[in-house]
């Protein structure tokens, strides 16, 4: 289906479409127009049509979109009709929180193992998955099919941990460490920098505070 290059901006909007359509399904909404969907997503109707036309359109003029059909098709585009096995490197607070997040399984992402260097964590079970010591990582990866590794280790340890994962054949890394990883081009990396997101929110809050301050001075 996807032969042409799709922009990163479009790809990043697809999960939002999927989430909003899922909410519509939960509310028994059968169909929706691009205008109605745009009001919910705060994206123009034209942008929605352009985004979906990259994958075939899916709408009918005068009818709009069938919510269930569009939800299922976007799920397929996102690869959510498949199952992905995930390992977590780093069993601190963040790593354990990821392992506890049940919604991942609903989307087809299954945590198969959790690894750490702290011997005090060894054997602790998180939703049926025991924390293992990092020395067992190589053996586990070689004997199991692993699609994604979530990296929740400290910044200074992240590059070496990522390199080891790549050497073991891992092709997709979900990086929560606050650092950029220098990895081969055939390795997929999705960075989740929590502090940067918080700083963006701080900037927007400052803008509001500055505007309110200017308003009081007039």
C-alpha atoms as a PDB file:
ATOM      1  CA  UNK A   1       0.000   0.000   0.000  1.00  0.00           C
ATOM      2  CA  UNK A   2       2.741   2.461   1.030  1.00  0.00           C
ATOM      3  CA  UNK A   3       5.087   2.879  -1.896  1.00  0.00           C
ATOM      4  CA  UNK A   4       5.759   6.615  -1.785  1.00  0.00           C
ATOM      5  CA  UNK A   5       7.582   8.434   0.971  1.00  0.00           C
ATOM      6  CA  UNK A   6       5.284   9.643   3.726  1.00  0.00           C
ATOM      7  CA  UNK A   7       6.384  12.640   5.768  1.00  0.00           C
ATOM      8  CA  UNK A   8       7.221  12.195   9.436  1.00  0.00           C
ATOM      9  CA  UNK A   9       4.563  14.789  10.309  1.00  0.00           C
ATOM     10  CA  UNK A  10       1.851  12.623   8.713  1.00  0.00           C
ATOM     11  CA  UNK A  11       3.155   9.476  10.403  1.00  0.00           C
ATOM     12  CA  UNK A  12       3.106  11.205  13.795  1.00  0.00           C
ATOM     13  CA  UNK A  13      -0.532  12.213  13.289  1.00  0.00           C
ATOM     14  CA  UNK A  14      -1.689   8.653  12.506  1.00  0.00           C
ATOM     15  CA  UNK A  15      -1.661   7.480  16.150  1.00  0.00           C
ATOM     16  CA  UNK A  16      -3.801  10.498  17.039  1.00  0.00           C
ATOM     17  CA  UNK A  17      -6.325   9.572  14.344  1.00  0.00           C
ATOM     18  CA  UNK A  18      -6.320   6.032  15.686  1.00  0.00           C
ATOM     19  CA  UNK A  19      -6.906   7.189  19.264  1.00  0.00           C
ATOM     20  CA  UNK A  20      -9.744   9.577  18.383  1.00  0.00           C
ATOM     21  CA  UNK A  21     -11.433   7.017  16.155  1.00  0.00           C
ATOM     22  CA  UNK A  22     -11.200   4.490  18.987  1.00  0.00           C
ATOM     23  CA  UNK A  23     -12.964   6.947  21.281  1.00  0.00           C
ATOM     24  CA  UNK A  24     -15.669   7.448  18.653  1.00  0.00           C
ATOM     25  CA  UNK A  25     -16.168   3.688  18.425  1.00  0.00           C
ATOM     26  CA  UNK A  26     -16.542   3.496  22.196  1.00  0.00           C
ATOM     27  CA  UNK A  27     -19.315   6.093  21.885  1.00  0.00           C
ATOM     28  CA  UNK A  28     -21.043   4.086  19.115  1.00  0.00           C
ATOM     29  CA  UNK A  29     -20.360   6.684  16.406  1.00  0.00           C
ATOM     30  CA  UNK A  30     -20.792   5.010  13.007  1.00  0.00           C
ATOM     31  CA  UNK A  31     -19.558   7.696  10.629  1.00  0.00           C
ATOM     32  CA  UNK A  32     -17.853  11.057  10.794  1.00  0.00           C
ATOM     33  CA  UNK A  33     -16.977  13.802   8.335  1.00  0.00           C
ATOM     34  CA  UNK A  34     -13.502  15.259   7.962  1.00  0.00           C
ATOM     35  CA  UNK A  35     -14.913  18.536   9.340  1.00  0.00           C
ATOM     36  CA  UNK A  36     -16.211  16.835  12.484  1.00  0.00           C
ATOM     37  CA  UNK A  37     -12.968  14.945  12.926  1.00  0.00           C
ATOM     38  CA  UNK A  38     -11.000  18.160  12.445  1.00  0.00           C
ATOM     39  CA  UNK A  39     -12.908  19.844  15.273  1.00  0.00           C
ATOM     40  CA  UNK A  40     -11.935  17.034  17.630  1.00  0.00           C
ATOM     41  CA  UNK A  41      -8.303  16.836  16.565  1.00  0.00           C
ATOM     42  CA  UNK A  42      -7.645  20.569  16.085  1.00  0.00           C
ATOM     43  CA  UNK A  43      -6.343  19.826  12.576  1.00  0.00           C
ATOM     44  CA  UNK A  44      -7.945  21.273   9.453  1.00  0.00           C
ATOM     45  CA  UNK A  45     -10.336  19.107   7.446  1.00  0.00           C
ATOM     46  CA  UNK A  46      -8.117  19.677   4.423  1.00  0.00           C
ATOM     47  CA  UNK A  47      -5.097  18.361   6.328  1.00  0.00           C
ATOM     48  CA  UNK A  48      -7.003  15.243   7.367  1.00  0.00           C
ATOM     49  CA  UNK A  49      -8.039  14.530   3.777  1.00  0.00           C
ATOM     50  CA  UNK A  50      -4.465  15.076   2.561  1.00  0.00           C
ATOM     51  CA  UNK A  51      -3.078  12.787   5.264  1.00  0.00           C
ATOM     52  CA  UNK A  52      -5.494   9.957   4.520  1.00  0.00           C
ATOM     53  CA  UNK A  53      -5.119  10.341   0.755  1.00  0.00           C
ATOM     54  CA  UNK A  54      -1.499   9.265   1.197  1.00  0.00           C
ATOM     55  CA  UNK A  55      -2.901   5.817   1.960  1.00  0.00           C
ATOM     56  CA  UNK A  56      -5.885   5.685  -0.355  1.00  0.00           C
ATOM     57  CA  UNK A  57      -8.398   8.136   1.083  1.00  0.00           C
ATOM     58  CA  UNK A  58     -11.007   5.872   2.731  1.00  0.00           C
ATOM     59  CA  UNK A  59     -13.809   8.452   2.605  1.00  0.00           C
ATOM     60  CA  UNK A  60     -16.934   8.760   0.477  1.00  0.00           C
ATOM     61  CA  UNK A  61     -18.116  12.138  -0.780  1.00  0.00           C
ATOM     62  CA  UNK A  62     -21.331  13.116   0.954  1.00  0.00           C
ATOM     63  CA  UNK A  63     -20.922  10.361   3.550  1.00  0.00           C
ATOM     64  CA  UNK A  64     -17.616  10.970   5.268  1.00  0.00           C
ATOM     65  CA  UNK A  65     -15.701   8.158   6.909  1.00  0.00           C
ATOM     66  CA  UNK A  66     -16.939   4.880   8.296  1.00  0.00           C
ATOM     67  CA  UNK A  67     -15.408   5.056  11.783  1.00  0.00           C
ATOM     68  CA  UNK A  68     -14.868   1.328  12.329  1.00  0.00           C
ATOM     69  CA  UNK A  69     -13.406   0.775   8.856  1.00  0.00           C
ATOM     70  CA  UNK A  70     -11.060   3.772   9.111  1.00  0.00           C
ATOM     71  CA  UNK A  71      -9.991   2.712  12.611  1.00  0.00           C
ATOM     72  CA  UNK A  72      -9.107  -0.770  11.369  1.00  0.00           C
ATOM     73  CA  UNK A  73      -7.297   0.508   8.266  1.00  0.00           C
ATOM     74  CA  UNK A  74      -5.184   3.004  10.202  1.00  0.00           C
ATOM     75  CA  UNK A  75      -4.387   0.208  12.643  1.00  0.00           C
ATOM     76  CA  UNK A  76      -3.088  -1.860   9.726  1.00  0.00           C
ATOM     77  CA  UNK A  77      -1.042   1.085   8.412  1.00  0.00           C
ATOM     78  CA  UNK A  78       0.511   1.422  11.872  1.00  0.00           C
ATOM     79  CA  UNK A  79       1.223  -2.307  11.958  1.00  0.00           C
ATOM     80  CA  UNK A  80      -1.139  -2.878  14.885  1.00  0.00           C
ATOM     81  CA  UNK A  81      -2.589  -5.996  13.270  1.00  0.00           C
ATOM     82  CA  UNK A  82       0.686  -7.733  14.175  1.00  0.00           C
ATOM     83  CA  UNK A  83       2.291  -8.754  17.461  1.00  0.00           C
ATOM     84  CA  UNK A  84       5.573  -7.250  18.620  1.00  0.00           C
ATOM     85  CA  UNK A  85       7.786  -8.701  21.321  1.00  0.00           C
ATOM     86  CA  UNK A  86       9.434  -6.083  23.522  1.00  0.00           C
ATOM     87  CA  UNK A  87      12.257  -6.167  26.042  1.00  0.00           C
ATOM     88  CA  UNK A  88      12.980  -3.414  28.555  1.00  0.00           C
ATOM     89  CA  UNK A  89      16.552  -2.486  29.440  1.00  0.00           C
ATOM     90  CA  UNK A  90      16.520  -0.755  32.809  1.00  0.00           C
ATOM     91  CA  UNK A  91      14.118  -1.762  35.584  1.00  0.00           C
ATOM     92  CA  UNK A  92      14.009   1.513  37.478  1.00  0.00           C
ATOM     93  CA  UNK A  93      10.816   3.472  38.049  1.00  0.00           C
ATOM     94  CA  UNK A  94      10.313   4.261  34.365  1.00  0.00           C
ATOM     95  CA  UNK A  95      11.110   0.752  33.166  1.00  0.00           C
ATOM     96  CA  UNK A  96       8.710  -0.749  35.688  1.00  0.00           C
ATOM     97  CA  UNK A  97       6.012   1.761  34.752  1.00  0.00           C
ATOM     98  CA  UNK A  98       6.308   0.741  31.093  1.00  0.00           C
ATOM     99  CA  UNK A  99       6.078  -2.938  32.036  1.00  0.00           C
ATOM    100  CA  UNK A 100       2.941  -2.206  34.085  1.00  0.00           C
ATOM    101  CA  UNK A 101       1.167  -0.353  31.278  1.00  0.00           C
ATOM    102  CA  UNK A 102      -1.505  -2.816  30.204  1.00  0.00           C
ATOM    103  CA  UNK A 103      -2.621  -0.796  27.170  1.00  0.00           C
ATOM    104  CA  UNK A 104       0.500  -1.889  25.279  1.00  0.00           C
ATOM    105  CA  UNK A 105      -0.847  -5.420  25.054  1.00  0.00           C
ATOM    106  CA  UNK A 106      -4.138  -4.149  23.642  1.00  0.00           C
ATOM    107  CA  UNK A 107      -2.099  -2.622  20.819  1.00  0.00           C
ATOM    108  CA  UNK A 108      -0.086  -5.783  20.180  1.00  0.00           C
ATOM    109  CA  UNK A 109       3.085  -4.941  22.136  1.00  0.00           C
ATOM    110  CA  UNK A 110       4.057  -7.666  24.615  1.00  0.00           C
ATOM    111  CA  UNK A 111       6.819  -7.241  27.180  1.00  0.00           C
ATOM    112  CA  UNK A 112       8.764 -10.511  27.160  1.00  0.00           C
ATOM    113  CA  UNK A 113      11.668  -9.652  29.469  1.00  0.00           C
ATOM    114  CA  UNK A 114      13.090  -6.908  31.685  1.00  0.00           C
ATOM    115  CA  UNK A 115      16.811  -6.534  32.363  1.00  0.00           C
ATOM    116  CA  UNK A 116      18.823  -4.574  34.910  1.00  0.00           C
ATOM    117  CA  UNK A 117      22.239  -4.491  36.600  1.00  0.00           C
ATOM    118  CA  UNK A 118      20.917  -4.118  40.158  1.00  0.00           C
ATOM    119  CA  UNK A 119      20.968  -7.536  41.902  1.00  0.00           C
ATOM    120  CA  UNK A 120      18.356  -6.344  44.405  1.00  0.00           C
ATOM    121  CA  UNK A 121      15.805  -6.256  41.570  1.00  0.00           C
ATOM    122  CA  UNK A 122      16.522  -9.765  40.302  1.00  0.00           C
ATOM    123  CA  UNK A 123      13.460 -12.008  40.387  1.00  0.00           C
ATOM    124  CA  UNK A 124      10.938  -9.239  41.049  1.00  0.00           C
ATOM    125  CA  UNK A 125       7.861  -9.953  38.919  1.00  0.00           C
ATOM    126  CA  UNK A 126       6.039  -7.212  37.039  1.00  0.00           C
ATOM    127  CA  UNK A 127       2.774  -8.440  35.569  1.00  0.00           C
ATOM    128  CA  UNK A 128       4.188 -11.938  35.319  1.00  0.00           C
ATOM    129  CA  UNK A 129       7.558 -10.935  33.846  1.00  0.00           C
ATOM    130  CA  UNK A 130      10.557 -11.375  36.149  1.00  0.00           C
ATOM    131  CA  UNK A 131      13.437  -8.916  36.142  1.00  0.00           C
ATOM    132  CA  UNK A 132      16.635 -10.606  34.963  1.00  0.00           C
ATOM    133  CA  UNK A 133      20.244  -9.564  35.272  1.00  0.00           C
ATOM    134  CA  UNK A 134      21.767  -7.962  32.194  1.00  0.00           C
ATOM    135  CA  UNK A 135      24.256 -10.817  31.726  1.00  0.00           C
ATOM    136  CA  UNK A 136      21.360 -12.979  30.514  1.00  0.00           C
ATOM    137  CA  UNK A 137      20.408 -10.509  27.782  1.00  0.00           C
ATOM    138  CA  UNK A 138      22.449 -12.084  24.983  1.00  0.00           C
ATOM    139  CA  UNK A 139      21.169 -15.590  25.665  1.00  0.00           C
ATOM    140  CA  UNK A 140      17.564 -14.394  25.852  1.00  0.00           C
ATOM    141  CA  UNK A 141      17.677 -12.383  22.616  1.00  0.00           C
ATOM    142  CA  UNK A 142      19.337 -15.223  20.730  1.00  0.00           C
ATOM    143  CA  UNK A 143      16.678 -17.713  21.838  1.00  0.00           C
ATOM    144  CA  UNK A 144      13.640 -15.429  21.379  1.00  0.00           C
ATOM    145  CA  UNK A 145      12.284 -13.260  18.599  1.00  0.00           C
ATOM    146  CA  UNK A 146      12.516  -9.676  19.837  1.00  0.00           C
ATOM    147  CA  UNK A 147      11.276  -6.795  17.713  1.00  0.00           C
ATOM    148  CA  UNK A 148      11.704  -3.762  19.992  1.00  0.00           C
ATOM    149  CA  UNK A 149      13.954  -2.826  22.909  1.00  0.00           C
ATOM    150  CA  UNK A 150      12.873  -0.057  25.274  1.00  0.00           C
ATOM    151  CA  UNK A 151      15.915   1.720  26.695  1.00  0.00           C
ATOM    152  CA  UNK A 152      15.311   3.278  30.130  1.00  0.00           C
ATOM    153  CA  UNK A 153      18.868   3.451  31.436  1.00  0.00           C
ATOM    154  CA  UNK A 154      20.836   6.554  32.576  1.00  0.00           C
ATOM    155  CA  UNK A 155      22.224   8.866  29.897  1.00  0.00           C
ATOM    156  CA  UNK A 156      25.855   7.788  30.229  1.00  0.00           C
ATOM    157  CA  UNK A 157      24.993   4.087  29.931  1.00  0.00           C
ATOM    158  CA  UNK A 158      22.617   4.445  26.981  1.00  0.00           C
ATOM    159  CA  UNK A 159      25.139   4.471  24.078  1.00  0.00           C
ATOM    160  CA  UNK A 160      26.859   1.263  25.201  1.00  0.00           C
ATOM    161  CA  UNK A 161      23.528  -0.435  25.925  1.00  0.00           C
ATOM    162  CA  UNK A 162      22.188   0.558  22.506  1.00  0.00           C
ATOM    163  CA  UNK A 163      25.332  -0.680  20.775  1.00  0.00           C
ATOM    164  CA  UNK A 164      25.009  -4.053  22.521  1.00  0.00           C
ATOM    165  CA  UNK A 165      21.364  -4.318  21.437  1.00  0.00           C
ATOM    166  CA  UNK A 166      22.323  -3.578  17.836  1.00  0.00           C
ATOM    167  CA  UNK A 167      25.094  -6.172  17.965  1.00  0.00           C
ATOM    168  CA  UNK A 168      22.480  -8.708  19.113  1.00  0.00           C
ATOM    169  CA  UNK A 169      20.360  -7.934  16.064  1.00  0.00           C
ATOM    170  CA  UNK A 170      17.741  -5.585  17.547  1.00  0.00           C
ATOM    171  CA  UNK A 171      16.464  -3.317  14.779  1.00  0.00           C
ATOM    172  CA  UNK A 172      14.111  -1.002  16.708  1.00  0.00           C
ATOM    173  CA  UNK A 173      14.922   0.938  19.885  1.00  0.00           C
ATOM    174  CA  UNK A 174      12.486   3.000  21.938  1.00  0.00           C
ATOM    175  CA  UNK A 175      14.894   5.391  23.621  1.00  0.00           C
ATOM    176  CA  UNK A 176      13.925   7.111  26.873  1.00  0.00           C
ATOM    177  CA  UNK A 177      17.483   8.100  27.763  1.00  0.00           C
ATOM    178  CA  UNK A 178      18.084  11.871  27.432  1.00  0.00           C
ATOM    179  CA  UNK A 179      20.722  11.483  24.736  1.00  0.00           C
ATOM    180  CA  UNK A 180      20.915  10.975  20.986  1.00  0.00           C
ATOM    181  CA  UNK A 181      22.116   7.561  19.852  1.00  0.00           C
ATOM    182  CA  UNK A 182      24.635   7.196  17.025  1.00  0.00           C
ATOM    183  CA  UNK A 183      23.490   3.933  15.454  1.00  0.00           C
ATOM    184  CA  UNK A 184      23.576   2.364  11.967  1.00  0.00           C
ATOM    185  CA  UNK A 185      20.977   3.752   9.530  1.00  0.00           C
ATOM    186  CA  UNK A 186      19.118   0.446   9.357  1.00  0.00           C
ATOM    187  CA  UNK A 187      18.282   0.629  13.093  1.00  0.00           C
ATOM    188  CA  UNK A 188      15.030   2.418  13.901  1.00  0.00           C
ATOM    189  CA  UNK A 189      15.144   4.761  16.900  1.00  0.00           C
ATOM    190  CA  UNK A 190      12.174   6.541  18.438  1.00  0.00           C
ATOM    191  CA  UNK A 191      13.285   9.054  21.053  1.00  0.00           C
ATOM    192  CA  UNK A 192      11.051   9.957  23.981  1.00  0.00           C
ATOM    193  CA  UNK A 193      12.736  12.834  25.791  1.00  0.00           C
ATOM    194  CA  UNK A 194      10.482  13.540  28.773  1.00  0.00           C
ATOM    195  CA  UNK A 195      12.452  16.546  30.009  1.00  0.00           C
ATOM    196  CA  UNK A 196      12.307  18.207  26.570  1.00  0.00           C
ATOM    197  CA  UNK A 197       8.543  17.731  26.471  1.00  0.00           C
ATOM    198  CA  UNK A 198       8.245  19.299  29.918  1.00  0.00           C
ATOM    199  CA  UNK A 199      10.425  22.240  28.847  1.00  0.00           C
ATOM    200  CA  UNK A 200       8.175  22.779  25.823  1.00  0.00           C
ATOM    201  CA  UNK A 201       5.193  22.925  28.162  1.00  0.00           C
ATOM    202  CA  UNK A 202       7.124  25.338  30.378  1.00  0.00           C
ATOM    203  CA  UNK A 203       7.772  27.623  27.392  1.00  0.00           C
ATOM    204  CA  UNK A 204       4.097  27.685  26.462  1.00  0.00           C
ATOM    205  CA  UNK A 205       3.125  28.392  30.074  1.00  0.00           C
ATOM    206  CA  UNK A 206       5.645  31.245  30.167  1.00  0.00           C
ATOM    207  CA  UNK A 207       4.088  32.687  27.007  1.00  0.00           C
ATOM    208  CA  UNK A 208       0.688  32.750  28.711  1.00  0.00           C
ATOM    209  CA  UNK A 209       2.141  34.326  31.854  1.00  0.00           C
ATOM    210  CA  UNK A 210       3.964  36.984  29.793  1.00  0.00           C
ATOM    211  CA  UNK A 211       0.802  37.805  27.834  1.00  0.00           C
ATOM    212  CA  UNK A 212      -1.211  38.156  31.044  1.00  0.00           C
ATOM    213  CA  UNK A 213       1.498  40.394  32.493  1.00  0.00           C
ATOM    214  CA  UNK A 214       1.461  42.617  29.408  1.00  0.00           C
ATOM    215  CA  UNK A 215      -2.321  42.832  29.701  1.00  0.00           C
ATOM    216  CA  UNK A 216      -2.142  44.113  33.277  1.00  0.00           C
ATOM    217  CA  UNK A 217       0.432  46.749  32.331  1.00  0.00           C
ATOM    218  CA  UNK A 218      -1.713  48.329  29.589  1.00  0.00           C
END
